[in-house]
Structures are given as structure tokens and as C-alpha cells.
Amino acid sequence: MPRNLDMTALRSFVAVAEAGGVTRAAGYLNLTQSAVSMQLKRLEQALDLQLFDRSERRIRLTASGDQLLAYARRILALNDEVYARMTAQEFEGEVILGVPHDIVYPAIPMVLNSFATDYPRVRVQLLSSYTTRLRELFAKGEVDIILTTEDGCGEDGETLTELPLVWVGAIGGSAWKQRPLRLAYEHACIFRKGVQAALDKACIPWEMAVESDSIRTVEASVSADLAVHTVLEGAMPPYVERIQHGGALPDLTTTKINLYVSDLSAGPIVEELAEVIRKAYRNS
């Protein structure tokens, strides 16, 4: 049958070992000497071990006491970490994070997992929309943090990375070879006009084969080899691949991924989440 160690007795044991005596440890723990001595005795009885050599004026750890000290420090450190994380009032509440559809993967799931581990009492509400819409909501103070995909960066933002836009199509597909080139885009996609302009400049005829308000509709159409699409490098959806066109399609511009953190949000937790996002992009 499992048995549990007394956390209070463990704390007294570590204090005595580090202080070199009961008197100093009792002062540190704000307990009486007799209370500390009783806890040490109870711990030794529970383990059926002698933890201290009391034959000299200054008590010393026995071999068993030395071994327990390493475990006790780790147990108490974990106990204190759990208690602090689960009861800290400053790390409670809700943070609203806005991210464009096309850059949710791969970074954001890792960000949410890491943040939830460190701050389990904070709820992160993920809002996925277009950059223009997210900027509007941010300006109204309705979102705490947003990521955007933009050509430039606003004065109140910071650029986390800059990625090239690449052509994607169905795995093993041939839609990219057709002329006019069949395109698939959401109505509000910010990449759309720039891609069309690049095709015009390269004298490549094109047509809008798929227009939708849903990114899923676009992805399904592209994966079925009905049209081609463009995404930021590293953010490709499933069932499509980067088109190796060998110069048959124009090279496209780079796009900045920017971070905006509201200065209207109270408390440090918003900045904590922002820092997790920064680290995710630094490590990508």
C-alpha cells in the first residue's frame, strides 16, 4: 500500500540539514525547537531510518540523511512550484489571441500547449480571421494580441519573421501547367491582388476558378487539382505540396509576420503570452 511523506516534516528536515542545527532551523521556520524535533522524529520513524548523527554538538547527516536530502529538495521544489502556479491570482483570467487562418500552423498549437502548461488557470481564446479584420478588432480593444501577415509593420507592432510566398497545388498535380492558370482564393485574402499582379507582369493568363469565404473550400479545391493557391513558406495545409515549377510561374514577394500587443490589457499575463509567441518564432 502506498505511503505518503509528511511535507511539513520534510521541510523541517531540509531546514535543519541546511542550518546545521535545530535552533537556527526553528527560527527560519517560525516554529518552536520542540516542534521541529518532533517532526524530525516522526520522519525517522516513518522511514525507519536514522537521518542525523547526534553524537556531536553539531548534528550531521547520516548516509541515509544525505540520500534523503537530495530527494527532499526536489519534492519540496515541485510542491512549491505547483502551489504557486495553481494559486497565483495574477495568472488567472482570459486572453484573446487573434491569428490569421494561414499562419495558425505550425507555431500556434505549440504556443497554446506551452502556455497552458505554465499557466493552467488562464484561458486563451483563439480567434482566427483575416489580417484586416484582426487589425480592426485590435484597434477597438476587442483583442489582446494579434499576429498579422503584412507587407510592412505598424508603429505599434514588431516583426517576428519574414517569409516568402510560395505556389502550392495538389500532390503530383498538373493544374499549375494549365493556361489560363486557375486560381483559388478566399475573398478577403491579402495575397490575392499581389499574386494576380505578378502573373500579369509575367504575361501569364489567369482566371479565378474558386472564390470562397472558407479557407477549407479553397484547400479542398487545390488538393483536388482544380486550381493553385499561394501560402507562406512552412505554412502549407495538408494534402497539397509546393509546386516545383522551374520558373514557369513568377517568384512572389515576402511577407512579414507581425505581433501586436495591446497596451490596454491589464496585468502581466498578456505580455507572458506574447513572449511565448516570440520564442516560438525565434526557434522556428
Protein backbone atom coordinates (compact mmCIF):
# COMPACT_ATOMS: atom_id res chain seq x y z
CA MET A 1 0.00 0.00 0.00
CA PRO A 2 1.46 3.42 -0.98
CA ARG A 3 2.54 5.65 1.90
CA ASN A 4 2.91 9.42 1.83
CA LEU A 5 5.73 11.51 3.23
CA ASP A 6 4.83 14.37 5.56
CA MET A 7 5.64 17.56 3.63
CA THR A 8 5.95 19.64 6.81
CA ALA A 9 8.40 17.12 8.29
CA LEU A 10 10.37 17.10 5.02
CA ARG A 11 10.60 20.90 5.09
CA SER A 12 11.87 20.81 8.68
CA PHE A 13 14.39 18.12 7.75
CA VAL A 14 15.82 20.21 4.90
CA ALA A 15 15.91 23.33 7.07
CA VAL A 16 17.84 21.54 9.84
CA ALA A 17 20.26 19.97 7.36
CA GLU A 18 20.99 23.33 5.75
CA ALA A 19 21.10 25.31 9.00
CA GLY A 20 23.25 22.76 10.80
CA GLY A 21 21.03 22.63 13.86
CA VAL A 22 17.52 22.64 15.22
CA THR A 23 17.74 26.06 16.86
CA ARG A 24 18.54 28.00 13.69
CA ALA A 25 16.12 25.93 11.63
CA ALA A 26 13.30 26.58 14.11
CA GLY A 27 13.84 30.33 13.76
CA TYR A 28 13.78 30.08 10.00
CA LEU A 29 10.59 28.02 10.04
CA ASN A 30 8.96 30.16 12.73
CA LEU A 31 8.38 27.07 14.87
CA THR A 32 9.49 26.03 18.33
CA GLN A 33 12.53 23.80 18.69
CA SER A 34 10.40 21.07 20.22
CA ALA A 35 8.03 21.16 17.23
CA VAL A 36 10.91 20.80 14.78
CA SER A 37 12.46 17.98 16.82
CA MET A 38 9.11 16.19 16.91
CA GLN A 39 8.76 16.42 13.13
CA LEU A 40 12.26 15.00 12.63
CA LYS A 41 11.49 12.13 14.97
CA ARG A 42 8.22 11.42 13.15
CA LEU A 43 10.04 11.39 9.79
CA GLU A 44 12.70 8.99 11.07
CA GLN A 45 10.01 6.70 12.47
CA ALA A 46 8.07 6.75 9.20
CA LEU A 47 11.16 5.75 7.21
CA ASP A 48 12.61 3.55 9.95
CA LEU A 49 15.96 5.26 9.41
CA GLN A 50 18.34 7.42 11.43
CA LEU A 51 18.75 10.60 9.44
CA PHE A 52 21.02 12.59 11.77
CA ASP A 53 24.15 11.76 13.75
CA ARG A 54 23.53 13.47 17.08
CA SER A 55 26.66 12.24 18.81
CA GLU A 56 28.43 15.57 18.39
CA ARG A 57 27.46 19.11 19.34
CA ARG A 58 26.66 19.99 15.72
CA ILE A 59 24.32 17.41 14.25
CA ARG A 60 25.33 15.85 10.96
CA LEU A 61 23.51 13.89 8.31
CA THR A 62 23.96 10.15 8.16
CA ALA A 63 24.41 8.39 4.83
CA SER A 64 20.63 7.84 4.73
CA GLY A 65 20.09 11.51 5.57
CA ASP A 66 22.36 12.58 2.72
CA GLN A 67 20.39 10.44 0.31
CA LEU A 68 17.04 11.75 1.53
CA LEU A 69 18.19 15.39 1.35
CA ALA A 70 18.52 15.29 -2.44
CA TYR A 71 15.04 13.78 -2.81
CA ALA A 72 13.52 16.16 -0.25
CA ARG A 73 14.80 19.26 -2.02
CA ARG A 74 13.31 18.10 -5.32
CA ILE A 75 9.97 17.15 -3.73
CA LEU A 76 9.65 20.49 -1.95
CA ALA A 77 10.67 22.45 -5.06
CA LEU A 78 7.99 20.68 -7.12
CA ASN A 79 5.41 21.15 -4.35
CA ASP A 80 6.17 24.87 -4.16
CA GLU A 81 6.07 25.26 -7.95
CA VAL A 82 2.68 23.53 -8.21
CA TYR A 83 1.23 25.55 -5.34
CA ALA A 84 2.49 28.85 -6.78
CA ARG A 85 1.23 28.11 -10.28
CA MET A 86 -2.18 26.86 -9.21
CA THR A 87 -2.95 29.60 -6.70
CA ALA A 88 -1.24 32.71 -8.10
CA GLN A 89 -4.02 35.23 -8.58
CA GLU A 90 -2.09 37.32 -11.09
CA PHE A 91 -2.14 34.41 -13.53
CA GLU A 92 -5.88 34.00 -13.91
CA GLY A 93 -8.39 35.18 -16.45
CA GLU A 94 -8.69 35.21 -20.22
CA VAL A 95 -6.53 36.40 -23.09
CA ILE A 96 -7.91 36.80 -26.61
CA LEU A 97 -5.37 35.91 -29.31
CA GLY A 98 -6.12 36.70 -32.95
CA VAL A 99 -4.26 34.82 -35.70
CA PRO A 100 -4.82 34.74 -39.49
CA HIS A 101 -6.06 31.40 -40.81
CA ASP A 102 -2.96 30.76 -42.88
CA ILE A 103 -0.39 31.01 -40.06
CA VAL A 104 -2.17 29.10 -37.31
CA TYR A 105 0.10 26.18 -38.18
CA PRO A 106 2.74 25.23 -37.25
CA ALA A 107 3.56 27.68 -34.44
CA ILE A 108 0.27 28.39 -32.65
CA PRO A 109 -0.58 24.87 -31.37
CA MET A 110 2.88 24.73 -29.76
CA VAL A 111 2.36 28.19 -28.25
CA LEU A 112 -1.01 27.22 -26.76
CA ASN A 113 0.34 23.95 -25.36
CA SER A 114 3.37 25.59 -23.76
CA PHE A 115 1.34 28.46 -22.30
CA ALA A 116 -1.36 26.13 -20.89
CA THR A 117 1.33 24.08 -19.16
CA ASP A 118 2.84 27.13 -17.49
CA TYR A 119 -0.44 28.97 -16.77
CA PRO A 120 -3.23 26.41 -16.40
CA ARG A 121 -5.65 28.90 -14.85
CA VAL A 122 -5.53 31.26 -17.82
CA ARG A 123 -7.92 30.67 -20.71
CA VAL A 124 -6.65 31.62 -24.16
CA GLN A 125 -9.43 32.27 -26.65
CA LEU A 126 -8.10 31.80 -30.18
CA LEU A 127 -9.76 33.97 -32.82
CA SER A 128 -8.88 33.07 -36.40
CA SER A 129 -9.70 35.61 -39.11
CA TYR A 130 -8.14 37.79 -41.80
CA THR A 131 -5.44 40.34 -41.05
CA THR A 132 -7.69 43.29 -41.96
CA ARG A 133 -10.41 42.08 -39.61
CA LEU A 134 -7.95 41.37 -36.80
CA ARG A 135 -6.47 44.87 -37.10
CA GLU A 136 -9.99 46.34 -36.83
CA LEU A 137 -10.77 44.33 -33.69
CA PHE A 138 -7.38 45.20 -32.18
CA ALA A 139 -7.97 48.92 -32.78
CA LYS A 140 -11.29 48.63 -30.92
CA GLY A 141 -9.61 46.93 -27.97
CA GLU A 142 -11.53 43.70 -28.51
CA VAL A 143 -8.41 41.53 -28.90
CA ASP A 144 -5.38 41.43 -26.58
CA ILE A 145 -2.78 40.09 -29.01
CA ILE A 146 -2.82 39.65 -32.77
CA LEU A 147 -0.50 38.22 -35.36
CA THR A 148 -0.76 39.64 -38.86
CA THR A 149 0.59 38.98 -42.34
CA GLU A 150 1.57 42.31 -43.91
CA ASP A 151 3.95 43.91 -46.37
CA GLY A 152 5.04 46.40 -43.73
CA CYS A 153 4.61 46.81 -39.97
CA GLY A 154 2.64 49.37 -37.98
CA GLU A 155 4.31 51.64 -35.43
CA ASP A 156 2.75 49.68 -32.57
CA GLY A 157 3.87 46.29 -33.89
CA GLU A 158 7.02 44.22 -34.17
CA THR A 159 8.09 41.89 -36.98
CA LEU A 160 8.74 38.34 -35.82
CA THR A 161 9.86 36.92 -39.15
CA GLU A 162 9.62 37.49 -42.89
CA LEU A 163 8.68 34.57 -45.15
CA PRO A 164 8.39 34.11 -48.91
CA LEU A 165 5.05 33.41 -50.54
CA VAL A 166 5.14 30.13 -52.49
CA TRP A 167 2.92 28.37 -55.00
CA VAL A 168 1.08 25.23 -53.84
CA GLY A 169 -1.02 22.68 -55.67
CA ALA A 170 -2.29 19.12 -55.42
CA ILE A 171 0.28 16.44 -54.66
CA GLY A 172 1.51 15.34 -58.06
CA GLY A 173 -0.98 17.72 -59.67
CA SER A 174 -0.88 19.46 -63.03
CA ALA A 175 -3.24 22.41 -62.57
CA TRP A 176 -0.22 24.77 -62.48
CA LYS A 177 0.56 23.88 -66.10
CA GLN A 178 -2.85 24.97 -67.42
CA ARG A 179 -3.45 28.30 -69.13
CA PRO A 180 -5.22 30.33 -68.14
CA LEU A 181 -3.86 29.49 -64.70
CA ARG A 182 -6.73 28.55 -62.41
CA LEU A 183 -6.53 30.29 -59.01
CA ALA A 184 -8.31 29.55 -55.74
CA TYR A 185 -8.59 32.24 -53.03
CA GLU A 186 -10.77 33.49 -50.23
CA HIS A 187 -12.47 36.78 -50.97
CA ALA A 188 -10.56 38.68 -48.27
CA CYS A 189 -7.11 37.11 -48.79
CA ILE A 190 -4.45 39.85 -48.76
CA PHE A 191 -2.14 37.85 -51.04
CA ARG A 192 -4.62 37.67 -53.88
CA LYS A 193 -4.06 41.05 -55.60
CA GLY A 194 -0.27 40.79 -55.40
CA VAL A 195 -0.30 37.33 -56.97
CA GLN A 196 -2.57 38.48 -59.78
CA ALA A 197 -0.30 41.46 -60.43
CA ALA A 198 2.75 39.17 -60.57
CA LEU A 199 1.01 36.96 -63.12
CA ASP A 200 0.03 39.98 -65.22
CA LYS A 201 3.62 41.23 -65.14
CA ALA A 202 4.84 37.81 -66.30
CA CYS A 203 2.19 37.77 -69.07
CA ILE A 204 0.62 34.62 -67.71
CA PRO A 205 -3.16 34.49 -68.25
CA TRP A 206 -5.21 33.53 -65.19
CA GLU A 207 -8.78 33.10 -64.01
CA MET A 208 -10.45 32.88 -60.61
CA ALA A 209 -11.63 29.27 -60.55
CA VAL A 210 -12.57 29.18 -56.87
CA GLU A 211 -13.67 32.08 -54.67
CA SER A 212 -14.95 31.47 -51.17
CA ASP A 213 -15.18 32.84 -47.67
CA SER A 214 -13.92 29.50 -46.37
CA ILE A 215 -10.25 28.50 -46.36
CA ARG A 216 -11.38 24.86 -46.21
CA THR A 217 -13.16 25.23 -49.55
CA VAL A 218 -10.00 26.64 -51.10
CA GLU A 219 -7.82 23.88 -49.63
CA ALA A 220 -10.20 21.15 -50.84
CA SER A 221 -10.27 22.58 -54.35
CA VAL A 222 -6.49 22.85 -54.53
CA SER A 223 -5.95 19.32 -53.16
CA ALA A 224 -8.37 18.07 -55.88
CA ASP A 225 -6.10 19.66 -58.52
CA LEU A 226 -8.81 22.09 -59.61
CA ALA A 227 -6.67 25.19 -59.05
CA VAL A 228 -3.48 26.52 -57.42
CA HIS A 229 -3.01 28.69 -54.39
CA THR A 230 -0.24 30.55 -52.52
CA VAL A 231 0.81 30.27 -48.90
CA LEU A 232 3.67 31.43 -46.73
CA GLU A 233 6.61 29.04 -46.74
CA GLY A 234 6.25 26.48 -43.97
CA ALA A 235 2.51 27.00 -43.55
CA MET A 236 1.23 24.53 -46.13
CA PRO A 237 -2.09 22.83 -45.37
CA PRO A 238 -2.38 19.03 -45.64
CA TYR A 239 -2.84 17.25 -48.98
CA VAL A 240 -1.01 19.89 -51.01
CA GLU A 241 2.63 20.44 -51.90
CA ARG A 242 4.90 23.23 -53.01
CA ILE A 243 4.90 23.46 -56.80
CA GLN A 244 8.31 22.87 -58.36
CA HIS A 245 7.54 24.94 -61.44
CA GLY A 246 11.09 25.54 -62.64
CA GLY A 247 10.40 29.18 -63.50
CA ALA A 248 7.06 28.57 -65.22
CA LEU A 249 5.38 30.68 -62.54
CA PRO A 250 6.65 34.03 -61.23
CA ASP A 251 8.56 34.34 -57.99
CA LEU A 252 6.46 36.05 -55.34
CA THR A 253 7.16 38.62 -52.64
CA THR A 254 7.99 38.06 -48.99
CA THR A 255 5.50 38.81 -46.23
CA LYS A 256 6.10 39.91 -42.66
CA ILE A 257 4.52 38.15 -39.70
CA ASN A 258 3.92 40.91 -37.17
CA LEU A 259 2.99 40.86 -33.50
CA TYR A 260 0.75 43.48 -31.88
CA VAL A 261 0.22 43.55 -28.11
CA SER A 262 -2.49 45.74 -26.64
CA ASP A 263 -1.40 48.32 -24.07
CA LEU A 264 -5.00 48.45 -22.82
CA SER A 265 -4.87 44.95 -21.33
CA ALA A 266 -4.28 44.90 -17.60
CA GLY A 267 -1.85 42.52 -15.91
CA PRO A 268 1.35 40.80 -16.96
CA ILE A 269 -0.26 37.69 -18.39
CA VAL A 270 -0.78 39.23 -21.85
CA GLU A 271 2.93 40.02 -22.08
CA GLU A 272 3.72 36.50 -20.87
CA LEU A 273 1.78 35.04 -23.79
CA ALA A 274 3.41 37.49 -26.19
CA GLU A 275 6.83 36.30 -25.04
CA VAL A 276 5.88 32.66 -25.63
CA ILE A 277 4.89 33.63 -29.20
CA ARG A 278 8.20 35.45 -29.73
CA LYS A 279 10.15 32.41 -28.56
CA ALA A 280 8.16 30.12 -30.87
CA TYR A 281 9.14 32.18 -33.91
CA ARG A 282 12.75 32.61 -32.77
CA ASN A 283 13.05 28.81 -32.52
CA SER A 284 11.25 28.02 -35.78
